[in-house]
Amino acid sequence: MCLAVVFAGPVLLAPRGALAGNADRAAVVEMVDAAVAAIDRYGVPRAVRKTAPRTWYRSRSGLYIFVLGRDGTLLLHPDEGMEGRNVAATLDAKGKPFIRDIIAETLAAPHEGAWTEYIWLDPRTGTSGTKHTYSRLAAGVVVAAGYISDHG
């Protein structure tokens, strides 16, 4: 599976206020919905080759799609070295098993999608904040993307 993404380091292009958060929220939903449609149509990883790169990664905003198996195995991630790893036991800064939460909340609302919040380090700024991740079920896998707010 290949999703070629290059992280160029910290990039801050927009203020991180309420308006930026609303824009991020809308962009995340749009991305996940597009990725779900592509995965439902083509499957993973073929969907990546058949759709525009913007579906999977938006460098200006630092948003990206990641795909999890129901067991917590990363099937698609911008860091290809992470793919194939089971990350179900990953904890946030407060000890919350957020990957398990993402999977459970997605499976509980397979048609509506789910929002999960946890504390995460923003690689663009080097500061932690609340990550708001939206996820939906597609072809039996969990498709997700999120944005970070409340930097501090």
N, C-alpha and C. Protein backbone atom coordinates (compact mmCIF):
# COMPACT_ATOMS: atom_id res chain seq x y z
N MET A 1 0.85 -1.16 0.00
CA MET A 1 0.00 0.00 0.00
C MET A 1 0.90 1.23 0.00
N CYS A 2 0.60 2.18 -0.86
CA CYS A 2 1.49 3.33 -0.97
C CYS A 2 0.70 4.63 -0.97
N LEU A 3 0.97 5.45 -0.01
CA LEU A 3 0.40 6.80 0.03
C LEU A 3 1.59 7.72 0.21
N ALA A 4 2.05 8.28 -0.89
CA ALA A 4 3.25 9.10 -0.83
C ALA A 4 2.91 10.47 -0.26
N VAL A 5 3.42 10.73 0.92
CA VAL A 5 3.19 12.00 1.58
C VAL A 5 4.52 12.47 2.14
N VAL A 6 4.84 13.71 1.94
CA VAL A 6 6.08 14.26 2.47
C VAL A 6 5.72 15.33 3.50
N PHE A 7 6.23 15.17 4.71
CA PHE A 7 6.03 16.18 5.73
C PHE A 7 7.21 17.13 5.66
N ALA A 8 6.93 18.40 5.41
CA ALA A 8 7.99 19.37 5.22
C ALA A 8 8.33 20.14 6.48
N GLY A 9 7.78 19.74 7.59
CA GLY A 9 8.06 20.45 8.83
C GLY A 9 6.90 21.32 9.23
N PRO A 10 7.07 22.09 10.29
CA PRO A 10 5.97 22.92 10.78
C PRO A 10 5.50 23.94 9.76
N VAL A 11 4.20 24.00 9.58
CA VAL A 11 3.59 24.97 8.68
C VAL A 11 2.37 25.54 9.38
N LEU A 12 2.36 26.84 9.57
CA LEU A 12 1.19 27.49 10.15
C LEU A 12 0.72 28.53 9.17
N LEU A 13 -0.46 28.31 8.61
CA LEU A 13 -0.95 29.23 7.60
C LEU A 13 -2.20 29.97 8.02
N ALA A 14 -2.87 29.51 9.06
CA ALA A 14 -4.12 30.15 9.46
C ALA A 14 -4.16 30.26 10.97
N PRO A 15 -4.85 31.26 11.48
CA PRO A 15 -5.00 31.36 12.93
C PRO A 15 -5.78 30.18 13.46
N ARG A 16 -5.52 29.79 14.69
CA ARG A 16 -6.14 28.60 15.25
C ARG A 16 -7.30 28.98 16.16
N GLY A 17 -8.13 29.90 15.77
CA GLY A 17 -9.27 30.32 16.57
C GLY A 17 -10.50 29.51 16.24
N ALA A 18 -11.64 29.99 16.71
CA ALA A 18 -12.90 29.28 16.50
C ALA A 18 -13.23 29.13 15.02
N LEU A 19 -12.98 30.17 14.22
CA LEU A 19 -13.29 30.06 12.80
C LEU A 19 -12.42 29.03 12.13
N ALA A 20 -11.15 28.99 12.48
CA ALA A 20 -10.26 27.97 11.91
C ALA A 20 -10.74 26.59 12.32
N GLY A 21 -11.18 26.41 13.56
CA GLY A 21 -11.69 25.12 14.03
C GLY A 21 -12.90 24.67 13.25
N ASN A 22 -13.82 25.60 12.97
CA ASN A 22 -15.00 25.25 12.18
C ASN A 22 -14.62 24.86 10.77
N ALA A 23 -13.66 25.56 10.18
CA ALA A 23 -13.19 25.23 8.84
C ALA A 23 -12.52 23.87 8.85
N ASP A 24 -11.71 23.59 9.87
CA ASP A 24 -11.05 22.30 9.99
C ASP A 24 -12.09 21.19 10.12
N ARG A 25 -13.10 21.42 10.94
CA ARG A 25 -14.16 20.42 11.15
C ARG A 25 -14.86 20.09 9.83
N ALA A 26 -15.21 21.11 9.07
CA ALA A 26 -15.87 20.90 7.78
C ALA A 26 -14.94 20.18 6.80
N ALA A 27 -13.67 20.55 6.78
CA ALA A 27 -12.71 19.91 5.88
C ALA A 27 -12.52 18.45 6.24
N VAL A 28 -12.47 18.14 7.53
CA VAL A 28 -12.30 16.75 7.98
C VAL A 28 -13.49 15.91 7.54
N VAL A 29 -14.70 16.41 7.74
CA VAL A 29 -15.90 15.67 7.33
C VAL A 29 -15.88 15.46 5.82
N GLU A 30 -15.55 16.50 5.08
CA GLU A 30 -15.48 16.40 3.62
C GLU A 30 -14.46 15.34 3.19
N MET A 31 -13.29 15.36 3.81
CA MET A 31 -12.25 14.39 3.47
C MET A 31 -12.69 12.96 3.78
N VAL A 32 -13.22 12.74 4.97
CA VAL A 32 -13.64 11.40 5.36
C VAL A 32 -14.76 10.91 4.44
N ASP A 33 -15.73 11.77 4.15
CA ASP A 33 -16.82 11.37 3.26
C ASP A 33 -16.29 10.98 1.88
N ALA A 34 -15.35 11.74 1.35
CA ALA A 34 -14.76 11.43 0.04
C ALA A 34 -13.96 10.13 0.09
N ALA A 35 -13.21 9.93 1.16
CA ALA A 35 -12.42 8.71 1.29
C ALA A 35 -13.33 7.49 1.45
N VAL A 36 -14.42 7.63 2.21
CA VAL A 36 -15.38 6.54 2.38
C VAL A 36 -15.97 6.16 1.02
N ALA A 37 -16.36 7.15 0.23
CA ALA A 37 -16.93 6.87 -1.09
C ALA A 37 -15.91 6.14 -1.98
N ALA A 38 -14.66 6.58 -1.93
CA ALA A 38 -13.61 5.95 -2.74
C ALA A 38 -13.34 4.52 -2.28
N ILE A 39 -13.27 4.31 -0.97
CA ILE A 39 -13.01 2.97 -0.44
C ILE A 39 -14.19 2.05 -0.71
N ASP A 40 -15.41 2.55 -0.56
CA ASP A 40 -16.59 1.73 -0.88
C ASP A 40 -16.57 1.31 -2.35
N ARG A 41 -16.10 2.20 -3.21
CA ARG A 41 -16.09 1.91 -4.65
C ARG A 41 -14.91 1.03 -5.06
N TYR A 42 -13.69 1.35 -4.56
CA TYR A 42 -12.48 0.69 -5.05
C TYR A 42 -11.80 -0.23 -4.05
N GLY A 43 -12.09 -0.07 -2.77
CA GLY A 43 -11.37 -0.82 -1.73
C GLY A 43 -10.05 -0.14 -1.39
N VAL A 44 -9.42 -0.67 -0.34
CA VAL A 44 -8.11 -0.17 0.10
C VAL A 44 -7.08 -1.16 -0.43
N PRO A 45 -6.00 -0.78 -1.03
CA PRO A 45 -5.44 0.56 -1.24
C PRO A 45 -5.77 1.15 -2.61
N ARG A 46 -6.49 0.42 -3.44
CA ARG A 46 -6.78 0.89 -4.80
C ARG A 46 -7.42 2.28 -4.82
N ALA A 47 -8.21 2.59 -3.82
CA ALA A 47 -8.88 3.90 -3.76
C ALA A 47 -7.88 5.05 -3.82
N VAL A 48 -6.73 4.88 -3.21
CA VAL A 48 -5.71 5.94 -3.21
C VAL A 48 -5.23 6.22 -4.62
N ARG A 49 -5.04 5.18 -5.41
CA ARG A 49 -4.56 5.36 -6.80
C ARG A 49 -5.63 5.91 -7.72
N LYS A 50 -6.90 5.69 -7.38
CA LYS A 50 -8.00 6.06 -8.26
C LYS A 50 -8.60 7.44 -7.97
N THR A 51 -8.13 8.11 -6.94
CA THR A 51 -8.71 9.39 -6.55
C THR A 51 -7.64 10.46 -6.40
N ALA A 52 -8.09 11.69 -6.31
CA ALA A 52 -7.17 12.82 -6.20
C ALA A 52 -6.42 12.79 -4.87
N PRO A 53 -5.15 13.20 -4.87
CA PRO A 53 -4.37 13.24 -3.62
C PRO A 53 -5.05 14.06 -2.53
N ARG A 54 -5.78 15.10 -2.90
CA ARG A 54 -6.46 15.96 -1.93
C ARG A 54 -7.48 15.20 -1.09
N THR A 55 -7.95 14.08 -1.60
CA THR A 55 -8.86 13.22 -0.84
C THR A 55 -8.17 12.70 0.41
N TRP A 56 -6.88 12.47 0.33
CA TRP A 56 -6.14 11.76 1.38
C TRP A 56 -5.27 12.65 2.25
N TYR A 57 -4.81 13.77 1.70
CA TYR A 57 -3.88 14.61 2.45
C TYR A 57 -3.98 16.06 1.98
N ARG A 58 -3.99 16.98 2.94
CA ARG A 58 -4.01 18.41 2.64
C ARG A 58 -2.86 19.06 3.38
N SER A 59 -1.77 19.27 2.69
CA SER A 59 -0.53 19.74 3.32
C SER A 59 -0.67 21.11 3.97
N ARG A 60 -1.45 22.00 3.39
CA ARG A 60 -1.57 23.35 3.96
C ARG A 60 -2.20 23.34 5.34
N SER A 61 -3.11 22.41 5.57
CA SER A 61 -3.80 22.36 6.86
C SER A 61 -3.32 21.22 7.75
N GLY A 62 -2.46 20.35 7.22
CA GLY A 62 -1.96 19.23 8.01
C GLY A 62 -2.98 18.13 8.21
N LEU A 63 -4.05 18.12 7.43
CA LEU A 63 -5.08 17.09 7.57
C LEU A 63 -4.75 15.89 6.71
N TYR A 64 -5.04 14.70 7.21
CA TYR A 64 -4.79 13.48 6.45
C TYR A 64 -5.77 12.39 6.88
N ILE A 65 -6.01 11.48 5.97
CA ILE A 65 -6.85 10.32 6.23
C ILE A 65 -5.97 9.19 6.78
N PHE A 66 -6.50 8.48 7.77
CA PHE A 66 -5.89 7.21 8.16
C PHE A 66 -6.99 6.17 8.22
N VAL A 67 -6.63 4.92 7.94
CA VAL A 67 -7.60 3.83 7.87
C VAL A 67 -7.16 2.73 8.82
N LEU A 68 -8.12 2.29 9.63
CA LEU A 68 -7.87 1.25 10.63
C LEU A 68 -8.71 0.02 10.35
N GLY A 69 -8.11 -1.15 10.58
CA GLY A 69 -8.90 -2.37 10.62
C GLY A 69 -9.66 -2.38 11.94
N ARG A 70 -10.67 -3.21 12.05
CA ARG A 70 -11.46 -3.27 13.28
C ARG A 70 -10.63 -3.71 14.49
N ASP A 71 -9.50 -4.35 14.23
CA ASP A 71 -8.64 -4.79 15.33
C ASP A 71 -7.61 -3.73 15.73
N GLY A 72 -7.59 -2.59 15.04
CA GLY A 72 -6.65 -1.53 15.36
C GLY A 72 -5.40 -1.51 14.50
N THR A 73 -5.35 -2.33 13.46
CA THR A 73 -4.20 -2.33 12.56
C THR A 73 -4.33 -1.17 11.58
N LEU A 74 -3.26 -0.38 11.47
CA LEU A 74 -3.24 0.74 10.52
C LEU A 74 -3.10 0.17 9.11
N LEU A 75 -4.09 0.42 8.29
CA LEU A 75 -4.07 -0.06 6.92
C LEU A 75 -3.58 1.00 5.96
N LEU A 76 -3.78 2.26 6.33
CA LEU A 76 -3.36 3.38 5.49
C LEU A 76 -3.01 4.55 6.40
N HIS A 77 -1.84 5.12 6.17
CA HIS A 77 -1.37 6.24 6.98
C HIS A 77 -0.32 7.00 6.18
N PRO A 78 -0.21 8.32 6.34
CA PRO A 78 0.82 9.07 5.62
C PRO A 78 2.24 8.57 5.89
N ASP A 79 2.49 8.06 7.10
CA ASP A 79 3.78 7.46 7.42
C ASP A 79 3.67 5.98 7.10
N GLU A 80 4.11 5.60 5.90
CA GLU A 80 3.96 4.22 5.45
C GLU A 80 4.60 3.21 6.40
N GLY A 81 5.59 3.63 7.17
CA GLY A 81 6.22 2.74 8.14
C GLY A 81 5.27 2.31 9.25
N MET A 82 4.19 3.05 9.42
CA MET A 82 3.19 2.72 10.44
C MET A 82 2.19 1.68 9.93
N GLU A 83 2.05 1.57 8.62
CA GLU A 83 1.07 0.66 8.06
C GLU A 83 1.40 -0.78 8.42
N GLY A 84 0.37 -1.52 8.79
CA GLY A 84 0.54 -2.91 9.19
C GLY A 84 0.72 -3.07 10.69
N ARG A 85 0.95 -1.98 11.40
CA ARG A 85 1.12 -2.05 12.85
C ARG A 85 -0.24 -2.00 13.55
N ASN A 86 -0.36 -2.78 14.60
CA ASN A 86 -1.57 -2.71 15.42
C ASN A 86 -1.34 -1.62 16.46
N VAL A 87 -2.17 -0.59 16.40
CA VAL A 87 -2.02 0.58 17.28
C VAL A 87 -3.18 0.69 18.27
N ALA A 88 -3.93 -0.40 18.43
CA ALA A 88 -5.13 -0.38 19.27
C ALA A 88 -4.83 0.05 20.71
N ALA A 89 -3.67 -0.26 21.21
CA ALA A 89 -3.34 0.05 22.61
C ALA A 89 -2.71 1.43 22.78
N THR A 90 -2.62 2.21 21.72
CA THR A 90 -2.01 3.54 21.80
C THR A 90 -2.83 4.44 22.72
N LEU A 91 -2.12 5.13 23.61
CA LEU A 91 -2.76 6.03 24.58
C LEU A 91 -2.44 7.47 24.25
N ASP A 92 -3.36 8.37 24.60
CA ASP A 92 -3.07 9.79 24.45
C ASP A 92 -2.29 10.26 25.67
N ALA A 93 -2.01 11.55 25.76
CA ALA A 93 -1.20 12.11 26.85
C ALA A 93 -1.84 11.93 28.22
N LYS A 94 -3.15 11.69 28.26
CA LYS A 94 -3.84 11.49 29.54
C LYS A 94 -4.14 10.01 29.81
N GLY A 95 -3.59 9.12 28.98
CA GLY A 95 -3.78 7.69 29.18
C GLY A 95 -5.04 7.11 28.57
N LYS A 96 -5.70 7.87 27.71
CA LYS A 96 -6.93 7.42 27.06
C LYS A 96 -6.59 6.52 25.86
N PRO A 97 -7.19 5.33 25.77
CA PRO A 97 -6.94 4.44 24.63
C PRO A 97 -7.77 4.90 23.41
N PHE A 98 -7.34 5.98 22.80
CA PHE A 98 -8.17 6.66 21.80
C PHE A 98 -8.41 5.86 20.54
N ILE A 99 -7.49 5.01 20.13
CA ILE A 99 -7.71 4.20 18.93
C ILE A 99 -8.87 3.24 19.18
N ARG A 100 -8.86 2.60 20.34
CA ARG A 100 -9.98 1.73 20.69
C ARG A 100 -11.29 2.52 20.72
N ASP A 101 -11.22 3.74 21.24
CA ASP A 101 -12.41 4.59 21.29
C ASP A 101 -12.90 4.94 19.89
N ILE A 102 -11.98 5.30 19.00
CA ILE A 102 -12.35 5.63 17.63
C ILE A 102 -13.08 4.44 16.99
N ILE A 103 -12.50 3.26 17.13
CA ILE A 103 -13.10 2.07 16.53
C ILE A 103 -14.47 1.79 17.14
N ALA A 104 -14.56 1.79 18.46
CA ALA A 104 -15.84 1.49 19.13
C ALA A 104 -16.92 2.50 18.77
N GLU A 105 -16.57 3.78 18.76
CA GLU A 105 -17.56 4.81 18.45
C GLU A 105 -17.99 4.75 16.99
N THR A 106 -17.08 4.39 16.10
CA THR A 106 -17.42 4.25 14.68
C THR A 106 -18.36 3.07 14.48
N LEU A 107 -18.05 1.95 15.12
CA LEU A 107 -18.89 0.76 14.98
C LEU A 107 -20.26 0.97 15.60
N ALA A 108 -20.35 1.83 16.61
CA ALA A 108 -21.65 2.12 17.25
C ALA A 108 -22.52 3.03 16.39
N ALA A 109 -21.91 3.76 15.46
CA ALA A 109 -22.66 4.68 14.58
C ALA A 109 -22.16 4.53 13.14
N PRO A 110 -22.31 3.35 12.56
CA PRO A 110 -21.69 3.08 11.26
C PRO A 110 -22.20 3.94 10.11
N HIS A 111 -23.41 4.44 10.19
CA HIS A 111 -23.97 5.22 9.09
C HIS A 111 -23.85 6.72 9.32
N GLU A 112 -23.79 7.13 10.57
CA GLU A 112 -23.73 8.55 10.90
C GLU A 112 -22.30 9.07 11.00
N GLY A 113 -21.38 8.24 11.39
CA GLY A 113 -20.03 8.69 11.69
C GLY A 113 -19.94 9.08 13.16
N ALA A 114 -18.73 9.25 13.65
CA ALA A 114 -18.53 9.55 15.07
C ALA A 114 -17.37 10.52 15.23
N TRP A 115 -17.45 11.33 16.29
CA TRP A 115 -16.36 12.23 16.68
C TRP A 115 -15.74 11.71 17.96
N THR A 116 -14.41 11.65 17.99
CA THR A 116 -13.67 11.23 19.17
C THR A 116 -12.66 12.32 19.49
N GLU A 117 -12.52 12.66 20.77
CA GLU A 117 -11.55 13.67 21.19
C GLU A 117 -10.50 13.05 22.09
N TYR A 118 -9.26 13.51 21.93
CA TYR A 118 -8.15 13.04 22.74
C TYR A 118 -7.03 14.07 22.64
N ILE A 119 -6.03 13.94 23.49
CA ILE A 119 -4.90 14.87 23.50
C ILE A 119 -3.80 14.32 22.60
N TRP A 120 -3.29 15.19 21.70
CA TRP A 120 -2.29 14.73 20.75
C TRP A 120 -1.32 15.85 20.41
N LEU A 121 -0.11 15.49 20.06
CA LEU A 121 0.94 16.44 19.69
C LEU A 121 0.77 16.83 18.23
N ASP A 122 0.71 18.11 17.96
CA ASP A 122 0.61 18.61 16.59
C ASP A 122 2.02 18.66 16.00
N PRO A 123 2.31 17.84 14.99
CA PRO A 123 3.66 17.82 14.42
C PRO A 123 4.03 19.13 13.73
N ARG A 124 3.04 19.93 13.38
CA ARG A 124 3.32 21.21 12.72
C ARG A 124 3.81 22.24 13.70
N THR A 125 3.35 22.17 14.96
CA THR A 125 3.70 23.21 15.93
C THR A 125 4.55 22.70 17.08
N GLY A 126 4.55 21.38 17.30
CA GLY A 126 5.28 20.82 18.43
C GLY A 126 4.56 20.98 19.76
N THR A 127 3.31 21.44 19.72
CA THR A 127 2.53 21.61 20.94
C THR A 127 1.35 20.64 20.93
N SER A 128 0.89 20.29 22.11
CA SER A 128 -0.25 19.38 22.17
C SER A 128 -1.54 20.16 22.27
N GLY A 129 -2.60 19.49 21.91
CA GLY A 129 -3.92 20.09 21.98
C GLY A 129 -4.97 18.99 21.87
N THR A 130 -6.20 19.39 21.84
CA THR A 130 -7.28 18.43 21.70
C THR A 130 -7.43 18.08 20.23
N LYS A 131 -7.33 16.79 19.93
CA LYS A 131 -7.54 16.33 18.55
C LYS A 131 -8.98 15.87 18.44
N HIS A 132 -9.64 16.36 17.41
CA HIS A 132 -11.03 16.03 17.13
C HIS A 132 -11.01 15.16 15.87
N THR A 133 -11.29 13.88 16.03
CA THR A 133 -11.21 12.94 14.92
C THR A 133 -12.61 12.46 14.55
N TYR A 134 -12.91 12.59 13.27
CA TYR A 134 -14.17 12.12 12.71
C TYR A 134 -13.90 10.82 11.99
N SER A 135 -14.77 9.83 12.19
CA SER A 135 -14.57 8.53 11.57
C SER A 135 -15.88 7.94 11.09
N ARG A 136 -15.76 7.14 10.03
CA ARG A 136 -16.90 6.43 9.46
C ARG A 136 -16.46 5.05 9.02
N LEU A 137 -17.41 4.17 8.90
CA LEU A 137 -17.15 2.82 8.43
C LEU A 137 -17.29 2.78 6.91
N ALA A 138 -16.36 2.10 6.26
CA ALA A 138 -16.41 1.92 4.80
C ALA A 138 -15.83 0.55 4.48
N ALA A 139 -16.60 -0.27 3.80
CA ALA A 139 -16.12 -1.60 3.38
C ALA A 139 -15.48 -2.37 4.54
N GLY A 140 -16.05 -2.21 5.73
CA GLY A 140 -15.57 -2.95 6.90
C GLY A 140 -14.36 -2.37 7.61
N VAL A 141 -13.88 -1.21 7.18
CA VAL A 141 -12.73 -0.57 7.84
C VAL A 141 -13.14 0.80 8.36
N VAL A 142 -12.35 1.33 9.29
CA VAL A 142 -12.62 2.63 9.89
C VAL A 142 -11.78 3.68 9.16
N VAL A 143 -12.46 4.67 8.61
CA VAL A 143 -11.81 5.76 7.87
C VAL A 143 -11.90 7.00 8.73
N ALA A 144 -10.76 7.66 8.98
CA ALA A 144 -10.76 8.77 9.93
C ALA A 144 -9.79 9.87 9.51
N ALA A 145 -10.08 11.06 10.05
CA ALA A 145 -9.20 12.22 9.92
C ALA A 145 -9.54 13.14 11.08
N GLY A 146 -8.59 13.99 11.47
CA GLY A 146 -8.86 14.87 12.58
C GLY A 146 -8.04 16.15 12.52
N TYR A 147 -8.42 17.08 13.36
CA TYR A 147 -7.70 18.35 13.47
C TYR A 147 -7.45 18.62 14.95
N ILE A 148 -6.45 19.44 15.22
CA ILE A 148 -6.06 19.75 16.59
C ILE A 148 -6.43 21.18 16.91
N SER A 149 -7.03 21.36 18.10
CA SER A 149 -7.37 22.69 18.59
C SER A 149 -6.80 22.84 19.99
N ASP A 150 -7.02 23.97 20.58
CA ASP A 150 -6.62 24.22 21.98
C ASP A 150 -5.13 23.99 22.20
N HIS A 151 -4.30 24.51 21.33
CA HIS A 151 -2.85 24.38 21.54
C HIS A 151 -2.46 25.06 22.83
N GLY A 152 -1.52 24.44 23.54
CA GLY A 152 -1.12 25.06 24.77
C GLY A 152 0.13 24.63 25.33
